[in-house]
Amino acid sequence: MTDRYCVFGNPIKHSKSPLIHGEFASQTQQAMTYTAELAPVEGFADAWRAFVAHGGRGANVTVPFKSDAFALCDTLSQRAKRAQAVNTLIVGGNGRIYGDTTDGVGLVRDLAYHRVALAGKRVLVLGAGGAVRGILEPLLAENPREVVVANRTADKAEQLAEAFADLGSIQGGGFVSVEGPFDVVINGTSASLSGELPPLPEALFAEGAWAYDMMYGSEPTVFLQWAGPQGAKLLDGLGMLVEQAAESFFLWRNVRPETASVRTLLRQSLNY
């Protein structure tokens, strides 16, 4: 019997996850299917239970259901507890539900893939929502000199920094209080989806700095379009998507897929 996996979201039709996991399954010769499932905004738990009842063994979870997934788990990884969100669900042999989050691992592995050093560096993270909360633990584990979280609402960034202060040097504040230069600037806001740019000061980038947008598309995001002329080297979140998927795949199947060819395939798919 073929094991079933999926990604839940709303909307979900745009998802590249079936393409990614289809490639992973093919290259590792795993007997599994992976589909995109639209769950009602108020009906995620019921959609998940129905999926499991029909043979589902695990799922990825995207917007807006990561908190819902967190709430229905019997057991959580330490990083999921920190993030207070789950993007990977696993049905255990005893039917219990295990939850993990692979977003932060995906980001750090993507940065490593592009040889972006974090140890001893000054890192700015823009935004203080769930996407940012999910990356802070793996980011701090790389031993940067300092992580600064900046947000339109300063209080939210300050509270987030306080919640992770035991893991390393981190502080939070408003966009207006940001003082560069930084070696790595990560955009974790949703502003790129609406073509907006956070109100950022000039002189944000150190020499040789990287600008990373967790969003991706066929064209550079507005954040990357802004950062390029300031001399920053540019990366979007496509590699993060592939690497977080690879970590989920490993958690499900206990085999680690190769990601370089899938990155290439995914980039090509954006141009059609």
Protein backbone atom coordinates (compact mmCIF):
# COMPACT_ATOMS: atom_id res chain seq x y z
CA MET A 1 0.00 0.00 0.00
CA THR A 2 1.33 3.42 -0.97
CA ASP A 3 1.78 5.86 1.92
CA ARG A 4 -0.08 9.16 1.55
CA TYR A 5 1.30 12.60 2.37
CA CYS A 6 0.09 16.09 1.52
CA VAL A 7 0.36 19.79 2.19
CA PHE A 8 -2.58 21.58 3.80
CA GLY A 9 -3.19 25.27 3.16
CA ASN A 10 -5.74 27.88 2.15
CA PRO A 11 -5.07 28.92 -0.58
CA ILE A 12 -3.00 25.95 -1.77
CA LYS A 13 -3.34 25.61 -5.58
CA HIS A 14 -0.09 27.56 -6.08
CA SER A 15 1.96 25.18 -3.90
CA LYS A 16 5.20 23.77 -5.28
CA SER A 17 5.38 21.13 -2.54
CA PRO A 18 3.84 18.29 -4.62
CA LEU A 19 6.47 18.89 -7.32
CA ILE A 20 9.29 18.93 -4.74
CA HIS A 21 8.20 15.81 -2.85
CA GLY A 22 7.41 13.99 -6.07
CA GLU A 23 11.03 14.51 -7.10
CA PHE A 24 12.30 13.42 -3.67
CA ALA A 25 10.20 10.24 -3.79
CA SER A 26 11.40 9.42 -7.29
CA GLN A 27 15.10 9.87 -6.55
CA THR A 28 14.92 7.86 -3.28
CA GLN A 29 12.51 5.23 -4.67
CA GLN A 30 9.91 5.73 -1.95
CA ALA A 31 6.42 4.27 -2.42
CA MET A 32 4.38 7.35 -1.56
CA THR A 33 2.04 9.97 -2.97
CA TYR A 34 1.97 13.67 -2.11
CA THR A 35 -0.91 16.00 -2.90
CA ALA A 36 -2.04 19.57 -2.16
CA GLU A 37 -5.16 19.70 0.02
CA LEU A 38 -7.36 22.76 0.47
CA ALA A 39 -8.68 22.85 4.04
CA PRO A 40 -11.52 25.15 5.16
CA VAL A 41 -10.20 28.10 7.16
CA GLU A 42 -12.22 26.98 10.21
CA GLY A 43 -11.92 23.25 9.49
CA PHE A 44 -8.27 22.23 9.53
CA ALA A 45 -8.52 19.63 12.31
CA ASP A 46 -11.42 17.86 10.57
CA ALA A 47 -9.55 17.91 7.23
CA TRP A 48 -6.49 16.37 8.90
CA ARG A 49 -8.52 13.63 10.63
CA ALA A 50 -10.24 12.75 7.35
CA PHE A 51 -6.87 12.53 5.62
CA VAL A 52 -5.49 10.20 8.30
CA ALA A 53 -8.65 8.07 8.15
CA HIS A 54 -7.95 7.49 4.45
CA GLY A 55 -4.37 6.37 4.98
CA GLY A 56 -2.51 9.64 5.50
CA ARG A 57 0.87 9.16 7.21
CA GLY A 58 1.98 12.78 7.46
CA ALA A 59 1.57 16.28 6.12
CA ASN A 60 3.14 19.65 5.63
CA VAL A 61 1.13 22.61 6.89
CA THR A 62 1.28 26.12 5.46
CA VAL A 63 -0.63 29.39 5.89
CA PRO A 64 -2.93 29.79 7.79
CA PHE A 65 -2.83 26.49 9.68
CA LYS A 66 0.54 26.24 11.46
CA SER A 67 -0.94 27.24 14.82
CA ASP A 68 -3.87 24.84 14.32
CA ALA A 69 -1.41 22.03 13.60
CA PHE A 70 0.53 22.93 16.73
CA ALA A 71 -2.63 22.64 18.82
CA LEU A 72 -3.61 19.14 17.68
CA CYS A 73 -0.23 17.43 18.30
CA ASP A 74 0.28 14.86 21.05
CA THR A 75 4.05 15.34 21.01
CA LEU A 76 6.14 18.31 19.83
CA SER A 77 9.79 18.75 18.95
CA GLN A 78 11.72 21.27 21.01
CA ARG A 79 12.01 23.61 18.02
CA ALA A 80 8.25 23.42 17.40
CA LYS A 81 7.62 24.34 21.05
CA ARG A 82 9.89 27.36 20.61
CA ALA A 83 8.24 28.40 17.35
CA GLN A 84 4.74 27.73 18.72
CA ALA A 85 3.93 26.49 15.22
CA VAL A 86 4.10 23.23 13.28
CA ASN A 87 4.69 22.75 9.56
CA THR A 88 5.30 18.97 9.64
CA LEU A 89 2.88 16.38 11.02
CA ILE A 90 3.72 12.69 11.47
CA VAL A 91 1.34 9.88 12.42
CA GLY A 92 3.16 7.54 14.81
CA GLY A 93 2.76 3.78 14.91
CA ASN A 94 0.46 4.16 17.91
CA GLY A 95 -1.66 6.75 16.10
CA ARG A 96 -0.29 9.63 18.13
CA ILE A 97 0.53 12.83 16.25
CA TYR A 98 4.04 14.25 16.32
CA GLY A 99 4.66 17.85 15.26
CA ASP A 100 7.84 19.55 14.13
CA THR A 101 8.85 22.71 12.30
CA THR A 102 11.48 22.60 9.56
CA ASP A 103 11.34 26.22 8.36
CA GLY A 104 14.33 27.44 10.38
CA VAL A 105 16.42 24.41 9.42
CA GLY A 106 15.49 25.10 5.79
CA LEU A 107 16.67 28.70 6.04
CA VAL A 108 19.99 27.85 7.71
CA ARG A 109 20.71 25.03 5.22
CA ASP A 110 19.93 27.32 2.30
CA LEU A 111 22.33 29.94 3.66
CA ALA A 112 24.99 27.23 4.10
CA TYR A 113 24.34 26.01 0.53
CA HIS A 114 25.20 29.51 -0.70
CA ARG A 115 28.17 29.74 1.67
CA VAL A 116 26.66 32.56 3.71
CA ALA A 117 28.48 32.58 7.03
CA LEU A 118 26.49 33.34 10.17
CA ALA A 119 29.00 32.63 12.94
CA GLY A 120 30.31 35.88 14.41
CA LYS A 121 28.15 37.97 12.06
CA ARG A 122 25.61 40.71 12.72
CA VAL A 123 22.17 39.61 11.46
CA LEU A 124 19.01 41.72 11.04
CA VAL A 125 15.64 39.97 10.82
CA LEU A 126 12.69 42.03 9.57
CA GLY A 127 9.29 41.14 10.99
CA ALA A 128 8.08 39.52 14.21
CA GLY A 129 5.30 37.19 13.05
CA GLY A 130 5.10 33.43 12.93
CA ALA A 131 7.53 33.12 10.01
CA VAL A 132 10.24 34.89 12.00
CA ARG A 133 9.48 33.04 15.23
CA GLY A 134 10.04 29.78 13.36
CA ILE A 135 13.59 30.64 12.25
CA LEU A 136 15.12 32.23 15.36
CA GLU A 137 16.23 29.08 17.23
CA PRO A 138 18.17 27.54 14.28
CA LEU A 139 19.55 31.01 13.44
CA LEU A 140 20.88 31.58 16.96
CA ALA A 141 22.34 28.06 17.00
CA GLU A 142 24.76 29.22 14.29
CA ASN A 143 26.40 31.58 16.84
CA PRO A 144 26.00 34.97 15.16
CA ARG A 145 27.56 37.89 17.02
CA GLU A 146 24.15 39.51 17.31
CA VAL A 147 20.62 39.08 15.96
CA VAL A 148 18.40 42.16 15.79
CA VAL A 149 14.66 41.68 15.23
CA ALA A 150 12.96 44.78 13.79
CA ASN A 151 9.22 45.20 13.36
CA ARG A 152 6.70 47.93 12.63
CA THR A 153 5.34 47.35 16.14
CA ALA A 154 8.43 47.57 18.35
CA ASP A 155 6.80 45.84 21.34
CA LYS A 156 6.22 42.67 19.38
CA ALA A 157 9.89 42.49 18.33
CA GLU A 158 11.04 43.17 21.88
CA GLN A 159 8.83 40.38 23.25
CA LEU A 160 10.12 37.97 20.62
CA ALA A 161 13.74 38.80 21.45
CA GLU A 162 13.02 38.27 25.14
CA ALA A 163 11.51 34.83 24.43
CA PHE A 164 14.73 33.70 22.69
CA ALA A 165 17.28 35.58 24.82
CA ASP A 166 18.51 32.39 26.52
CA LEU A 167 19.79 31.09 23.16
CA GLY A 168 22.17 33.93 22.27
CA SER A 169 22.62 37.65 21.72
CA ILE A 170 19.31 38.98 20.43
CA GLN A 171 17.44 42.25 20.74
CA GLY A 172 14.26 43.67 19.26
CA GLY A 173 12.82 47.05 18.37
CA GLY A 174 11.07 49.14 15.73
CA PHE A 175 12.23 49.73 12.16
CA VAL A 176 13.14 53.32 13.02
CA SER A 177 15.60 52.20 15.70
CA VAL A 178 17.64 49.93 13.41
CA GLU A 179 21.31 50.87 13.17
CA GLY A 180 23.52 49.20 10.55
CA PRO A 181 25.65 47.92 9.17
CA PHE A 182 24.66 44.23 9.09
CA ASP A 183 26.31 41.24 7.42
CA VAL A 184 23.01 39.45 6.70
CA VAL A 185 19.55 41.03 6.42
CA ILE A 186 16.59 38.61 6.30
CA ASN A 187 13.13 39.81 5.28
CA GLY A 188 10.57 37.76 7.17
CA THR A 189 7.68 40.17 6.68
CA SER A 190 4.81 39.48 4.29
CA ALA A 191 5.35 42.88 2.65
CA SER A 192 6.78 41.30 -0.50
CA LEU A 193 3.41 39.66 -1.20
CA SER A 194 1.81 43.08 -1.52
CA GLY A 195 4.79 44.72 -3.23
CA GLU A 196 5.55 46.88 -0.22
CA LEU A 197 8.83 47.66 1.49
CA PRO A 198 9.29 48.05 5.24
CA PRO A 199 10.44 51.58 6.24
CA LEU A 200 14.15 50.86 6.43
CA PRO A 201 17.07 53.22 6.99
CA GLU A 202 19.94 53.65 4.55
CA ALA A 203 23.42 52.24 5.25
CA LEU A 204 21.94 48.91 6.35
CA PHE A 205 24.45 46.65 4.61
CA ALA A 206 28.06 46.03 5.52
CA GLU A 207 30.54 45.45 2.71
CA GLY A 208 29.89 42.05 1.17
CA ALA A 209 26.55 41.72 2.99
CA TRP A 210 23.70 39.42 1.94
CA ALA A 211 20.02 40.34 1.57
CA TYR A 212 17.68 37.35 1.94
CA ASP A 213 13.93 37.40 1.31
CA MET A 214 11.99 34.42 2.66
CA MET A 215 9.50 34.98 -0.18
CA TYR A 216 10.30 34.03 -3.78
CA GLY A 217 8.91 34.49 -7.27
CA SER A 218 9.81 34.58 -10.95
CA GLU A 219 11.03 38.17 -10.42
CA PRO A 220 13.07 39.61 -7.53
CA THR A 221 10.92 40.77 -4.62
CA VAL A 222 10.60 44.49 -3.88
CA PHE A 223 12.95 44.01 -0.91
CA LEU A 224 15.64 42.47 -3.12
CA GLN A 225 15.10 45.17 -5.75
CA TRP A 226 15.77 47.73 -3.02
CA ALA A 227 18.80 45.90 -1.59
CA GLY A 228 20.60 45.22 -4.89
CA PRO A 229 21.55 48.82 -5.74
CA GLN A 230 22.94 49.17 -2.21
CA GLY A 231 25.58 46.55 -2.97
CA ALA A 232 24.05 43.56 -1.19
CA LYS A 233 24.27 40.06 -2.61
CA LEU A 234 20.76 38.70 -3.15
CA LEU A 235 18.96 35.48 -2.26
CA ASP A 236 15.27 34.60 -2.27
CA GLY A 237 13.41 31.91 -0.34
CA LEU A 238 13.17 29.25 -3.04
CA GLY A 239 16.10 27.29 -1.60
CA MET A 240 14.59 27.54 1.87
CA LEU A 241 11.40 25.97 0.53
CA VAL A 242 13.34 23.03 -0.93
CA GLU A 243 15.49 22.53 2.18
CA GLN A 244 12.60 22.64 4.65
CA ALA A 245 10.81 20.11 2.43
CA ALA A 246 13.89 17.87 2.47
CA GLU A 247 13.93 17.94 6.28
CA SER A 248 10.22 17.02 6.41
CA PHE A 249 10.85 14.20 3.93
CA PHE A 250 13.67 12.90 6.14
CA LEU A 251 11.41 12.96 9.21
CA TRP A 252 8.78 10.92 7.35
CA ARG A 253 10.93 8.45 5.43
CA ASN A 254 14.28 8.38 7.29
CA VAL A 255 16.16 9.03 4.05
CA ARG A 256 17.70 12.35 3.10
CA PRO A 257 17.04 13.46 -0.50
CA GLU A 258 19.45 15.39 -2.71
CA THR A 259 18.31 18.99 -3.16
CA ALA A 260 20.51 20.65 -5.81
CA SER A 261 18.67 19.17 -8.81
CA VAL A 262 15.29 20.00 -7.26
CA ARG A 263 16.38 23.61 -6.74
CA THR A 264 17.19 23.82 -10.45
CA LEU A 265 13.89 22.22 -11.47
CA LEU A 266 11.91 24.53 -9.20
CA ARG A 267 13.65 27.65 -10.48
CA GLN A 268 12.91 26.60 -14.05
CA SER A 269 9.24 25.99 -13.16
CA LEU A 270 8.86 29.62 -12.05
CA ASN A 271 9.58 30.81 -15.58
CA TYR A 272 6.59 29.04 -17.14
